[in-house]
PDB file of N, CA and C in Angstrom:
ATOM      1  N   MET A   1     -16.121  40.630 -23.198  1.00  0.00           N
ATOM      2  CA  MET A   1     -16.010  41.036 -21.787  1.00  0.00           C
ATOM      3  C   MET A   1     -16.017  39.656 -21.012  1.00  0.00           C
ATOM      4  N   ILE A   2     -15.249  39.616 -20.006  1.00  0.00           N
ATOM      5  CA  ILE A   2     -15.314  38.429 -19.121  1.00  0.00           C
ATOM      6  C   ILE A   2     -16.432  38.479 -18.121  1.00  0.00           C
ATOM      7  N   LYS A   3     -17.285  37.411 -18.025  1.00  0.00           N
ATOM      8  CA  LYS A   3     -18.323  37.416 -17.174  1.00  0.00           C
ATOM      9  C   LYS A   3     -18.047  36.511 -16.015  1.00  0.00           C
ATOM     10  N   ALA A   4     -17.313  35.529 -16.153  1.00  0.00           N
ATOM     11  CA  ALA A   4     -16.965  34.587 -15.109  1.00  0.00           C
ATOM     12  C   ALA A   4     -15.657  33.990 -15.262  1.00  0.00           C
ATOM     13  N   ILE A   5     -15.057  33.518 -14.065  1.00  0.00           N
ATOM     14  CA  ILE A   5     -13.743  32.831 -14.030  1.00  0.00           C
ATOM     15  C   ILE A   5     -13.884  31.601 -13.126  1.00  0.00           C
ATOM     16  N   ILE A   6     -13.417  30.524 -13.534  1.00  0.00           N
ATOM     17  CA  ILE A   6     -13.343  29.358 -12.788  1.00  0.00           C
ATOM     18  C   ILE A   6     -11.910  29.106 -12.226  1.00  0.00           C
ATOM     19  N   PHE A   7     -11.797  29.038 -10.904  1.00  0.00           N
ATOM     20  CA  PHE A   7     -10.436  28.786 -10.298  1.00  0.00           C
ATOM     21  C   PHE A   7     -10.303  27.408  -9.822  1.00  0.00           C
ATOM     22  N   ASP A   8      -9.175  26.824 -10.097  1.00  0.00           N
ATOM     23  CA  ASP A   8      -8.783  25.452  -9.654  1.00  0.00           C
ATOM     24  C   ASP A   8      -8.364  25.644  -8.185  1.00  0.00           C
ATOM     25  N   ALA A   9      -8.851  24.764  -7.291  1.00  0.00           N
ATOM     26  CA  ALA A   9      -8.378  24.780  -5.883  1.00  0.00           C
ATOM     27  C   ALA A   9      -6.944  24.524  -5.746  1.00  0.00           C
ATOM     28  N   ASP A  10      -6.543  23.366  -6.239  1.00  0.00           N
ATOM     29  CA  ASP A  10      -5.117  22.983  -6.005  1.00  0.00           C
ATOM     30  C   ASP A  10      -4.095  23.660  -6.977  1.00  0.00           C
ATOM     31  N   GLY A  11      -3.168  24.382  -6.406  1.00  0.00           N
ATOM     32  CA  GLY A  11      -2.227  25.042  -7.167  1.00  0.00           C
ATOM     33  C   GLY A  11      -2.545  26.461  -7.537  1.00  0.00           C
ATOM     34  N   ILE A  12      -3.834  26.863  -7.333  1.00  0.00           N
ATOM     35  CA  ILE A  12      -4.245  28.307  -7.548  1.00  0.00           C
ATOM     36  C   ILE A  12      -4.598  28.826  -6.210  1.00  0.00           C
ATOM     37  N   ILE A  13      -5.710  28.374  -5.639  1.00  0.00           N
ATOM     38  CA  ILE A  13      -6.272  28.825  -4.444  1.00  0.00           C
ATOM     39  C   ILE A  13      -5.405  28.360  -3.226  1.00  0.00           C
ATOM     40  N   ILE A  14      -5.056  27.016  -3.283  1.00  0.00           N
ATOM     41  CA  ILE A  14      -4.299  26.325  -2.340  1.00  0.00           C
ATOM     42  C   ILE A  14      -2.903  25.982  -2.787  1.00  0.00           C
ATOM     43  N   ARG A  15      -1.899  26.624  -2.020  1.00  0.00           N
ATOM     44  CA  ARG A  15      -0.483  26.540  -2.462  1.00  0.00           C
ATOM     45  C   ARG A  15       0.075  25.274  -1.819  1.00  0.00           C
ATOM     46  N   LYS A  16       0.914  24.556  -2.465  1.00  0.00           N
ATOM     47  CA  LYS A  16       1.651  23.352  -2.054  1.00  0.00           C
ATOM     48  C   LYS A  16       3.130  23.565  -2.255  1.00  0.00           C
ATOM     49  N   GLU A  17       3.926  23.418  -1.191  1.00  0.00           N
ATOM     50  CA  GLU A  17       5.327  23.300  -1.382  1.00  0.00           C
ATOM     51  C   GLU A  17       5.726  21.989  -2.019  1.00  0.00           C
ATOM     52  N   LYS A  18       5.159  20.849  -1.501  1.00  0.00           N
ATOM     53  CA  LYS A  18       5.294  19.611  -2.029  1.00  0.00           C
ATOM     54  C   LYS A  18       4.055  18.852  -2.003  1.00  0.00           C
ATOM     55  N   ILE A  19       3.922  17.967  -2.959  1.00  0.00           N
ATOM     56  CA  ILE A  19       2.695  17.133  -3.006  1.00  0.00           C
ATOM     57  C   ILE A  19       2.835  16.118  -1.851  1.00  0.00           C
ATOM     58  N   PHE A  20       1.704  15.467  -1.587  1.00  0.00           N
ATOM     59  CA  PHE A  20       1.680  14.578  -0.369  1.00  0.00           C
ATOM     60  C   PHE A  20       2.613  13.455  -0.538  1.00  0.00           C
ATOM     61  N   SER A  21       2.835  12.773  -1.599  1.00  0.00           N
ATOM     62  CA  SER A  21       3.806  11.686  -1.823  1.00  0.00           C
ATOM     63  C   SER A  21       5.218  12.041  -1.501  1.00  0.00           C
ATOM     64  N   GLU A  22       5.531  13.230  -2.036  1.00  0.00           N
ATOM     65  CA  GLU A  22       7.011  13.657  -1.795  1.00  0.00           C
ATOM     66  C   GLU A  22       7.180  14.099  -0.337  1.00  0.00           C
ATOM     67  N   ARG A  23       6.340  14.727   0.273  1.00  0.00           N
ATOM     68  CA  ARG A  23       6.423  15.181   1.624  1.00  0.00           C
ATOM     69  C   ARG A  23       6.388  13.960   2.548  1.00  0.00           C
ATOM     70  N   PHE A  24       5.452  12.970   2.317  1.00  0.00           N
ATOM     71  CA  PHE A  24       5.346  11.788   3.155  1.00  0.00           C
ATOM     72  C   PHE A  24       6.630  11.038   3.032  1.00  0.00           C
ATOM     73  N   SER A  25       7.024  10.774   1.890  1.00  0.00           N
ATOM     74  CA  SER A  25       8.225  10.008   1.532  1.00  0.00           C
ATOM     75  C   SER A  25       9.493  10.581   2.377  1.00  0.00           C
ATOM     76  N   HIS A  26       9.617  11.867   2.251  1.00  0.00           N
ATOM     77  CA  HIS A  26      10.729  12.557   2.871  1.00  0.00           C
ATOM     78  C   HIS A  26      10.646  12.561   4.394  1.00  0.00           C
ATOM     79  N   GLU A  27       9.485  12.994   4.917  1.00  0.00           N
ATOM     80  CA  GLU A  27       9.374  13.032   6.475  1.00  0.00           C
ATOM     81  C   GLU A  27       9.424  11.657   7.108  1.00  0.00           C
ATOM     82  N   PHE A  28       8.921  10.688   6.402  1.00  0.00           N
ATOM     83  CA  PHE A  28       8.784   9.446   7.074  1.00  0.00           C
ATOM     84  C   PHE A  28       9.728   8.337   6.526  1.00  0.00           C
ATOM     85  N   LYS A  29      10.583   8.690   5.743  1.00  0.00           N
ATOM     86  CA  LYS A  29      11.668   7.880   5.178  1.00  0.00           C
ATOM     87  C   LYS A  29      11.154   6.623   4.555  1.00  0.00           C
ATOM     88  N   VAL A  30      10.072   6.801   3.702  1.00  0.00           N
ATOM     89  CA  VAL A  30       9.486   5.811   2.875  1.00  0.00           C
ATOM     90  C   VAL A  30       9.892   5.943   1.473  1.00  0.00           C
ATOM     91  N   PRO A  31      10.296   4.884   0.914  1.00  0.00           N
ATOM     92  CA  PRO A  31      10.748   5.159  -0.661  1.00  0.00           C
ATOM     93  C   PRO A  31       9.532   5.710  -1.403  1.00  0.00           C
ATOM     94  N   ILE A  32       9.900   6.725  -2.207  1.00  0.00           N
ATOM     95  CA  ILE A  32       8.788   7.467  -2.881  1.00  0.00           C
ATOM     96  C   ILE A  32       7.892   6.548  -3.747  1.00  0.00           C
ATOM     97  N   ASN A  33       8.470   5.434  -4.295  1.00  0.00           N
ATOM     98  CA  ASN A  33       7.677   4.544  -5.279  1.00  0.00           C
ATOM     99  C   ASN A  33       6.596   3.829  -4.468  1.00  0.00           C
ATOM    100  N   LYS A  34       6.918   3.533  -3.114  1.00  0.00           N
ATOM    101  CA  LYS A  34       5.868   2.970  -2.324  1.00  0.00           C
ATOM    102  C   LYS A  34       4.681   3.783  -2.058  1.00  0.00           C
ATOM    103  N   VAL A  35       4.857   5.132  -2.113  1.00  0.00           N
ATOM    104  CA  VAL A  35       3.762   5.973  -1.926  1.00  0.00           C
ATOM    105  C   VAL A  35       3.171   6.299  -3.232  1.00  0.00           C
ATOM    106  N   THR A  36       3.931   6.490  -4.212  1.00  0.00           N
ATOM    107  CA  THR A  36       3.237   6.828  -5.604  1.00  0.00           C
ATOM    108  C   THR A  36       2.578   5.677  -6.148  1.00  0.00           C
ATOM    109  N   ASN A  37       2.900   4.435  -5.730  1.00  0.00           N
ATOM    110  CA  ASN A  37       2.172   3.262  -6.279  1.00  0.00           C
ATOM    111  C   ASN A  37       0.677   3.321  -5.893  1.00  0.00           C
ATOM    112  N   PHE A  38       0.388   3.956  -4.684  1.00  0.00           N
ATOM    113  CA  PHE A  38      -1.004   4.070  -4.177  1.00  0.00           C
ATOM    114  C   PHE A  38      -1.699   5.021  -5.287  1.00  0.00           C
ATOM    115  N   PHE A  39      -1.078   6.057  -5.605  1.00  0.00           N
ATOM    116  CA  PHE A  39      -1.774   6.991  -6.540  1.00  0.00           C
ATOM    117  C   PHE A  39      -1.801   6.397  -7.940  1.00  0.00           C
ATOM    118  N   LYS A  40      -0.980   5.672  -8.338  1.00  0.00           N
ATOM    119  CA  LYS A  40      -1.021   5.063  -9.719  1.00  0.00           C
ATOM    120  C   LYS A  40      -2.039   3.853  -9.756  1.00  0.00           C
ATOM    121  N   GLU A  41      -2.197   3.211  -8.675  1.00  0.00           N
ATOM    122  CA  GLU A  41      -3.065   1.819  -8.701  1.00  0.00           C
ATOM    123  C   GLU A  41      -4.416   2.095  -8.045  1.00  0.00           C
ATOM    124  N   ASN A  42      -4.516   2.927  -6.965  1.00  0.00           N
ATOM    125  CA  ASN A  42      -5.672   2.837  -6.196  1.00  0.00           C
ATOM    126  C   ASN A  42      -6.425   4.215  -6.072  1.00  0.00           C
ATOM    127  N   PHE A  43      -5.827   5.296  -6.314  1.00  0.00           N
ATOM    128  CA  PHE A  43      -6.368   6.573  -5.995  1.00  0.00           C
ATOM    129  C   PHE A  43      -7.451   7.080  -6.940  1.00  0.00           C
ATOM    130  N   GLN A  44      -7.319   6.754  -8.304  1.00  0.00           N
ATOM    131  CA  GLN A  44      -8.250   7.292  -9.321  1.00  0.00           C
ATOM    132  C   GLN A  44      -9.723   6.855  -9.077  1.00  0.00           C
ATOM    133  N   PRO A  45      -9.956   5.688  -8.668  1.00  0.00           N
ATOM    134  CA  PRO A  45     -11.299   5.319  -8.235  1.00  0.00           C
ATOM    135  C   PRO A  45     -11.838   6.100  -7.181  1.00  0.00           C
ATOM    136  N   CYS A  46     -11.090   6.492  -6.216  1.00  0.00           N
ATOM    137  CA  CYS A  46     -11.507   7.300  -5.106  1.00  0.00           C
ATOM    138  C   CYS A  46     -11.989   8.784  -5.570  1.00  0.00           C
ATOM    139  N   LEU A  47     -11.237   9.228  -6.515  1.00  0.00           N
ATOM    140  CA  LEU A  47     -11.595  10.604  -7.122  1.00  0.00           C
ATOM    141  C   LEU A  47     -12.924  10.596  -7.717  1.00  0.00           C
ATOM    142  N   VAL A  48     -13.332   9.518  -8.298  1.00  0.00           N
ATOM    143  CA  VAL A  48     -14.643   9.484  -9.032  1.00  0.00           C
ATOM    144  C   VAL A  48     -15.812   8.783  -8.300  1.00  0.00           C
ATOM    145  N   GLY A  49     -15.480   8.495  -7.035  1.00  0.00           N
ATOM    146  CA  GLY A  49     -16.573   7.924  -6.122  1.00  0.00           C
ATOM    147  C   GLY A  49     -16.718   6.495  -6.295  1.00  0.00           C
ATOM    148  N   ASN A  50     -15.807   5.765  -6.920  1.00  0.00           N
ATOM    149  CA  ASN A  50     -15.959   4.229  -7.184  1.00  0.00           C
ATOM    150  C   ASN A  50     -15.201   3.434  -6.066  1.00  0.00           C
ATOM    151  N   ALA A  51     -14.486   4.119  -5.177  1.00  0.00           N
ATOM    152  CA  ALA A  51     -13.790   3.453  -4.166  1.00  0.00           C
ATOM    153  C   ALA A  51     -13.718   4.423  -2.972  1.00  0.00           C
ATOM    154  N   ASP A  52     -13.520   3.894  -1.776  1.00  0.00           N
ATOM    155  CA  ASP A  52     -13.423   4.766  -0.455  1.00  0.00           C
ATOM    156  C   ASP A  52     -12.042   4.936  -0.187  1.00  0.00           C
ATOM    157  N   LEU A  53     -11.580   6.147  -0.090  1.00  0.00           N
ATOM    158  CA  LEU A  53     -10.154   6.438   0.105  1.00  0.00           C
ATOM    159  C   LEU A  53      -9.616   5.857   1.489  1.00  0.00           C
ATOM    160  N   LYS A  54     -10.396   5.824   2.399  1.00  0.00           N
ATOM    161  CA  LYS A  54      -9.994   5.208   3.789  1.00  0.00           C
ATOM    162  C   LYS A  54      -9.648   3.759   3.539  1.00  0.00           C
ATOM    163  N   LYS A  55     -10.529   3.011   2.819  1.00  0.00           N
ATOM    164  CA  LYS A  55     -10.264   1.627   2.658  1.00  0.00           C
ATOM    165  C   LYS A  55      -9.139   1.284   1.804  1.00  0.00           C
ATOM    166  N   GLU A  56      -9.034   2.159   0.678  1.00  0.00           N
ATOM    167  CA  GLU A  56      -7.831   2.008  -0.169  1.00  0.00           C
ATOM    168  C   GLU A  56      -6.519   2.216   0.515  1.00  0.00           C
ATOM    169  N   LEU A  57      -6.554   3.187   1.424  1.00  0.00           N
ATOM    170  CA  LEU A  57      -5.254   3.589   2.140  1.00  0.00           C
ATOM    171  C   LEU A  57      -4.894   2.410   3.114  1.00  0.00           C
ATOM    172  N   GLU A  58      -5.852   1.781   3.578  1.00  0.00           N
ATOM    173  CA  GLU A  58      -5.588   0.638   4.583  1.00  0.00           C
ATOM    174  C   GLU A  58      -4.682  -0.334   3.935  1.00  0.00           C
ATOM    175  N   LYS A  59      -4.685  -0.617   2.580  1.00  0.00           N
ATOM    176  CA  LYS A  59      -3.839  -1.508   1.856  1.00  0.00           C
ATOM    177  C   LYS A  59      -2.378  -1.103   1.784  1.00  0.00           C
ATOM    178  N   TYR A  60      -2.119   0.149   2.257  1.00  0.00           N
ATOM    179  CA  TYR A  60      -0.800   0.739   2.121  1.00  0.00           C
ATOM    180  C   TYR A  60      -0.190   1.141   3.407  1.00  0.00           C
ATOM    181  N   VAL A  61      -0.898   1.415   4.430  1.00  0.00           N
ATOM    182  CA  VAL A  61      -0.284   2.012   5.621  1.00  0.00           C
ATOM    183  C   VAL A  61       0.805   1.110   6.346  1.00  0.00           C
ATOM    184  N   LYS A  62       0.666  -0.097   6.217  1.00  0.00           N
ATOM    185  CA  LYS A  62       1.742  -1.050   6.934  1.00  0.00           C
ATOM    186  C   LYS A  62       2.943  -0.943   5.995  1.00  0.00           C
ATOM    187  N   GLU A  63       2.881  -0.839   4.754  1.00  0.00           N
ATOM    188  CA  GLU A  63       4.041  -0.764   3.880  1.00  0.00           C
ATOM    189  C   GLU A  63       4.660   0.588   4.016  1.00  0.00           C
ATOM    190  N   TRP A  64       3.894   1.640   4.405  1.00  0.00           N
ATOM    191  CA  TRP A  64       4.380   2.965   4.625  1.00  0.00           C
ATOM    192  C   TRP A  64       4.868   3.240   6.073  1.00  0.00           C
ATOM    193  N   ASN A  65       4.759   2.144   6.931  1.00  0.00           N
ATOM    194  CA  ASN A  65       5.206   2.298   8.274  1.00  0.00           C
ATOM    195  C   ASN A  65       4.347   3.349   9.032  1.00  0.00           C
ATOM    196  N   TRP A  66       3.119   3.447   8.700  1.00  0.00           N
ATOM    197  CA  TRP A  66       2.231   4.395   9.383  1.00  0.00           C
ATOM    198  C   TRP A  66       1.606   3.660  10.526  1.00  0.00           C
ATOM    199  N   ASN A  67       1.848   4.131  11.831  1.00  0.00           N
ATOM    200  CA  ASN A  67       1.389   3.449  12.962  1.00  0.00           C
ATOM    201  C   ASN A  67       0.105   4.128  13.643  1.00  0.00           C
ATOM    202  N   LYS A  68      -0.483   5.149  13.056  1.00  0.00           N
ATOM    203  CA  LYS A  68      -1.463   5.842  13.476  1.00  0.00           C
ATOM    204  C   LYS A  68      -2.798   5.451  12.710  1.00  0.00           C
ATOM    205  N   SER A  69      -3.964   6.081  12.978  1.00  0.00           N
ATOM    206  CA  SER A  69      -5.082   5.839  12.391  1.00  0.00           C
ATOM    207  C   SER A  69      -5.143   6.377  10.900  1.00  0.00           C
ATOM    208  N   ILE A  70      -6.130   5.747  10.182  1.00  0.00           N
ATOM    209  CA  ILE A  70      -6.331   6.344   8.818  1.00  0.00           C
ATOM    210  C   ILE A  70      -6.855   7.799   8.901  1.00  0.00           C
ATOM    211  N   ASN A  71      -7.669   8.117   9.897  1.00  0.00           N
ATOM    212  CA  ASN A  71      -7.980   9.518  10.013  1.00  0.00           C
ATOM    213  C   ASN A  71      -6.889  10.402  10.364  1.00  0.00           C
ATOM    214  N   GLU A  72      -5.830   9.914  11.122  1.00  0.00           N
ATOM    215  CA  GLU A  72      -4.819  10.888  11.448  1.00  0.00           C
ATOM    216  C   GLU A  72      -3.911  10.952  10.095  1.00  0.00           C
ATOM    217  N   LEU A  73      -3.854  10.012   9.287  1.00  0.00           N
ATOM    218  CA  LEU A  73      -3.086  10.092   8.037  1.00  0.00           C
ATOM    219  C   LEU A  73      -3.857  11.048   7.183  1.00  0.00           C
ATOM    220  N   LEU A  74      -5.115  10.989   7.060  1.00  0.00           N
ATOM    221  CA  LEU A  74      -5.836  11.980   6.258  1.00  0.00           C
ATOM    222  C   LEU A  74      -5.609  13.368   6.769  1.00  0.00           C
ATOM    223  N   ASP A  75      -5.703  13.558   8.112  1.00  0.00           N
ATOM    224  CA  ASP A  75      -5.489  14.854   8.776  1.00  0.00           C
ATOM    225  C   ASP A  75      -4.142  15.344   8.386  1.00  0.00           C
ATOM    226  N   TYR A  76      -3.061  14.512   8.536  1.00  0.00           N
ATOM    227  CA  TYR A  76      -1.728  14.924   8.046  1.00  0.00           C
ATOM    228  C   TYR A  76      -1.667  15.402   6.678  1.00  0.00           C
ATOM    229  N   TRP A  77      -2.284  14.600   5.765  1.00  0.00           N
ATOM    230  CA  TRP A  77      -2.242  14.936   4.302  1.00  0.00           C
ATOM    231  C   TRP A  77      -3.000  16.206   4.056  1.00  0.00           C
ATOM    232  N   PHE A  78      -4.243  16.270   4.513  1.00  0.00           N
ATOM    233  CA  PHE A  78      -5.048  17.353   4.164  1.00  0.00           C
ATOM    234  C   PHE A  78      -4.586  18.766   4.869  1.00  0.00           C
ATOM    235  N   ARG A  79      -4.090  18.672   6.080  1.00  0.00           N
ATOM    236  CA  ARG A  79      -3.715  19.811   6.786  1.00  0.00           C
ATOM    237  C   ARG A  79      -2.462  20.462   6.099  1.00  0.00           C
ATOM    238  N   ASN A  80      -1.614  19.649   5.616  1.00  0.00           N
ATOM    239  CA  ASN A  80      -0.434  20.198   4.897  1.00  0.00           C
ATOM    240  C   ASN A  80      -0.689  20.548   3.440  1.00  0.00           C
ATOM    241  N   GLU A  81      -1.964  20.442   2.996  1.00  0.00           N
ATOM    242  CA  GLU A  81      -2.299  20.856   1.721  1.00  0.00           C
ATOM    243  C   GLU A  81      -3.535  21.675   1.742  1.00  0.00           C
ATOM    244  N   SER A  82      -3.482  22.622   2.666  1.00  0.00           N
ATOM    245  CA  SER A  82      -4.682  23.498   2.864  1.00  0.00           C
ATOM    246  C   SER A  82      -4.313  25.036   3.071  1.00  0.00           C
ATOM    247  N   ASP A  83      -3.094  25.343   2.530  1.00  0.00           N
ATOM    248  CA  ASP A  83      -2.550  26.698   2.728  1.00  0.00           C
ATOM    249  C   ASP A  83      -3.184  27.544   1.658  1.00  0.00           C
ATOM    250  N   ILE A  84      -4.179  28.420   1.992  1.00  0.00           N
ATOM    251  CA  ILE A  84      -4.916  29.282   1.025  1.00  0.00           C
ATOM    252  C   ILE A  84      -4.074  30.476   0.748  1.00  0.00           C
ATOM    253  N   ASP A  85      -3.904  30.812  -0.713  1.00  0.00           N
ATOM    254  CA  ASP A  85      -3.177  31.893  -1.084  1.00  0.00           C
ATOM    255  C   ASP A  85      -4.113  33.184  -0.932  1.00  0.00           C
ATOM    256  N   LYS A  86      -3.899  33.899   0.111  1.00  0.00           N
ATOM    257  CA  LYS A  86      -4.592  35.174   0.372  1.00  0.00           C
ATOM    258  C   LYS A  86      -4.648  36.088  -0.689  1.00  0.00           C
ATOM    259  N   ARG A  87      -3.531  36.203  -1.562  1.00  0.00           N
ATOM    260  CA  ARG A  87      -3.459  37.185  -2.530  1.00  0.00           C
ATOM    261  C   ARG A  87      -4.530  36.886  -3.680  1.00  0.00           C
ATOM    262  N   VAL A  88      -4.755  35.564  -3.893  1.00  0.00           N
ATOM    263  CA  VAL A  88      -5.715  35.094  -4.947  1.00  0.00           C
ATOM    264  C   VAL A  88      -7.085  35.393  -4.395  1.00  0.00           C
ATOM    265  N   ILE A  89      -7.392  35.114  -3.057  1.00  0.00           N
ATOM    266  CA  ILE A  89      -8.673  35.368  -2.414  1.00  0.00           C
ATOM    267  C   ILE A  89      -8.926  36.840  -2.562  1.00  0.00           C
ATOM    268  N   ASP A  90      -7.960  37.734  -2.382  1.00  0.00           N
ATOM    269  CA  ASP A  90      -8.137  39.126  -2.480  1.00  0.00           C
ATOM    270  C   ASP A  90      -8.413  39.574  -3.908  1.00  0.00           C
ATOM    271  N   SER A  91      -7.764  38.954  -4.896  1.00  0.00           N
ATOM    272  CA  SER A  91      -8.110  39.179  -6.217  1.00  0.00           C
ATOM    273  C   SER A  91      -9.516  38.772  -6.643  1.00  0.00           C
ATOM    274  N   ILE A  92      -9.959  37.683  -6.141  1.00  0.00           N
ATOM    275  CA  ILE A  92     -11.330  37.234  -6.316  1.00  0.00           C
ATOM    276  C   ILE A  92     -12.305  38.144  -5.783  1.00  0.00           C
ATOM    277  N   LYS A  93     -12.080  38.723  -4.598  1.00  0.00           N
ATOM    278  CA  LYS A  93     -12.963  39.636  -3.995  1.00  0.00           C
ATOM    279  C   LYS A  93     -13.080  40.891  -4.932  1.00  0.00           C
ATOM    280  N   GLN A  94     -11.981  41.381  -5.463  1.00  0.00           N
ATOM    281  CA  GLN A  94     -11.917  42.577  -6.376  1.00  0.00           C
ATOM    282  C   GLN A  94     -12.659  42.115  -7.692  1.00  0.00           C
ATOM    283  N   LEU A  95     -12.523  40.971  -8.210  1.00  0.00           N
ATOM    284  CA  LEU A  95     -13.238  40.556  -9.429  1.00  0.00           C
ATOM    285  C   LEU A  95     -14.738  40.591  -9.187  1.00  0.00           C
ATOM    286  N   ARG A  96     -15.100  40.156  -7.971  1.00  0.00           N
ATOM    287  CA  ARG A  96     -16.488  40.062  -7.643  1.00  0.00           C
ATOM    288  C   ARG A  96     -17.150  41.499  -7.634  1.00  0.00           C
ATOM    289  N   LYS A  97     -16.356  42.316  -6.983  1.00  0.00           N
ATOM    290  CA  LYS A  97     -16.804  43.761  -6.784  1.00  0.00           C
ATOM    291  C   LYS A  97     -17.045  44.452  -8.178  1.00  0.00           C
ATOM    292  N   ASN A  98     -16.241  43.912  -9.128  1.00  0.00           N
ATOM    293  CA  ASN A  98     -16.440  44.384 -10.558  1.00  0.00           C
ATOM    294  C   ASN A  98     -17.394  43.754 -11.343  1.00  0.00           C
ATOM    295  N   GLY A  99     -18.226  42.830 -10.750  1.00  0.00           N
ATOM    296  CA  GLY A  99     -19.316  42.110 -11.468  1.00  0.00           C
ATOM    297  C   GLY A  99     -18.913  40.860 -12.080  1.00  0.00           C
ATOM    298  N   ILE A 100     -17.623  40.371 -11.870  1.00  0.00           N
ATOM    299  CA  ILE A 100     -17.294  39.131 -12.523  1.00  0.00           C
ATOM    300  C   ILE A 100     -17.636  37.928 -11.544  1.00  0.00           C
ATOM    301  N   LYS A 101     -18.335  36.967 -12.040  1.00  0.00           N
ATOM    302  CA  LYS A 101     -18.679  35.840 -11.126  1.00  0.00           C
ATOM    303  C   LYS A 101     -17.536  34.892 -11.082  1.00  0.00           C
ATOM    304  N   CYS A 102     -17.159  34.417  -9.833  1.00  0.00           N
ATOM    305  CA  CYS A 102     -16.035  33.588  -9.572  1.00  0.00           C
ATOM    306  C   CYS A 102     -16.498  32.211  -9.031  1.00  0.00           C
ATOM    307  N   TYR A 103     -15.951  31.251  -9.549  1.00  0.00           N
ATOM    308  CA  TYR A 103     -16.315  29.801  -9.151  1.00  0.00           C
ATOM    309  C   TYR A 103     -15.048  28.965  -8.775  1.00  0.00           C
ATOM    310  N   LEU A 104     -15.209  27.993  -7.982  1.00  0.00           N
ATOM    311  CA  LEU A 104     -14.190  27.132  -7.473  1.00  0.00           C
ATOM    312  C   LEU A 104     -14.474  25.743  -8.190  1.00  0.00           C
ATOM    313  N   SER A 105     -13.337  25.197  -8.717  1.00  0.00           N
ATOM    314  CA  SER A 105     -13.411  23.827  -9.313  1.00  0.00           C
ATOM    315  C   SER A 105     -12.460  22.942  -8.610  1.00  0.00           C
ATOM    316  N   THR A 106     -12.706  21.727  -8.517  1.00  0.00           N
ATOM    317  CA  THR A 106     -11.665  20.784  -7.940  1.00  0.00           C
ATOM    318  C   THR A 106     -12.097  19.384  -8.319  1.00  0.00           C
ATOM    319  N   ASN A 107     -11.108  18.423  -8.336  1.00  0.00           N
ATOM    320  CA  ASN A 107     -11.478  17.108  -8.655  1.00  0.00           C
ATOM    321  C   ASN A 107     -10.938  16.319  -7.401  1.00  0.00           C
ATOM    322  N   ASN A 108     -11.056  16.838  -6.317  1.00  0.00           N
ATOM    323  CA  ASN A 108     -10.777  16.048  -5.031  1.00  0.00           C
ATOM    324  C   ASN A 108     -11.823  15.005  -4.787  1.00  0.00           C
ATOM    325  N   GLU A 109     -11.309  14.021  -3.941  1.00  0.00           N
ATOM    326  CA  GLU A 109     -12.272  12.982  -3.554  1.00  0.00           C
ATOM    327  C   GLU A 109     -13.028  13.532  -2.355  1.00  0.00           C
ATOM    328  N   LYS A 110     -13.953  12.743  -1.868  1.00  0.00           N
ATOM    329  CA  LYS A 110     -15.004  13.233  -0.905  1.00  0.00           C
ATOM    330  C   LYS A 110     -14.483  13.733   0.501  1.00  0.00           C
ATOM    331  N   TYR A 111     -13.414  12.982   1.013  1.00  0.00           N
ATOM    332  CA  TYR A 111     -12.956  13.366   2.328  1.00  0.00           C
ATOM    333  C   TYR A 111     -12.085  14.575   2.231  1.00  0.00           C
ATOM    334  N   ARG A 112     -11.385  14.821   1.187  1.00  0.00           N
ATOM    335  CA  ARG A 112     -10.558  16.092   1.090  1.00  0.00           C
ATOM    336  C   ARG A 112     -11.602  17.287   0.798  1.00  0.00           C
ATOM    337  N   THR A 113     -12.497  16.969   0.013  1.00  0.00           N
ATOM    338  CA  THR A 113     -13.567  18.030  -0.248  1.00  0.00           C
ATOM    339  C   THR A 113     -14.251  18.463   1.024  1.00  0.00           C
ATOM    340  N   ASP A 114     -14.584  17.393   1.836  1.00  0.00           N
ATOM    341  CA  ASP A 114     -15.287  17.748   3.093  1.00  0.00           C
ATOM    342  C   ASP A 114     -14.344  18.570   4.021  1.00  0.00           C
ATOM    343  N   TYR A 115     -12.957  18.160   3.990  1.00  0.00           N
ATOM    344  CA  TYR A 115     -12.048  18.810   4.866  1.00  0.00           C
ATOM    345  C   TYR A 115     -11.973  20.188   4.394  1.00  0.00           C
ATOM    346  N   LEU A 116     -11.825  20.489   3.110  1.00  0.00           N
ATOM    347  CA  LEU A 116     -11.648  21.891   2.655  1.00  0.00           C
ATOM    348  C   LEU A 116     -12.879  22.668   2.893  1.00  0.00           C
ATOM    349  N   THR A 117     -14.016  22.097   2.886  1.00  0.00           N
ATOM    350  CA  THR A 117     -15.279  22.855   2.975  1.00  0.00           C
ATOM    351  C   THR A 117     -15.408  23.162   4.477  1.00  0.00           C
ATOM    352  N   GLU A 118     -15.154  22.196   5.357  1.00  0.00           N
ATOM    353  CA  GLU A 118     -15.350  22.396   6.767  1.00  0.00           C
ATOM    354  C   GLU A 118     -14.236  23.204   7.466  1.00  0.00           C
ATOM    355  N   LYS A 119     -13.079  23.105   7.069  1.00  0.00           N
ATOM    356  CA  LYS A 119     -11.974  23.620   7.744  1.00  0.00           C
ATOM    357  C   LYS A 119     -11.529  24.994   7.130  1.00  0.00           C
TER     358      LYS A 119
END
């Protein structure tokens, strides 16, 4: 008998048409490799708390032709990756009614986790 289910936030609870690097590259006409380099070189330490995402992004925004603040970049990123799948939420509610414990798991860094929690 199933007693608990763990749901991943990204891709299960939160739907994404495009990931940040693809969307940003397309919308702002920045070569995709300039955006993906950040994720290959600097993002992982942010995920595990060994680097600050805002400070790491500062190294790239000029190359990405981003003329706004880092906070505005994070808002653009997070806002476009926060579409909750209501069908999954409804399924979770039903599972809980049937006595199955449901948990959320994610490997997001601290700013996105805060955004998802607060918004």
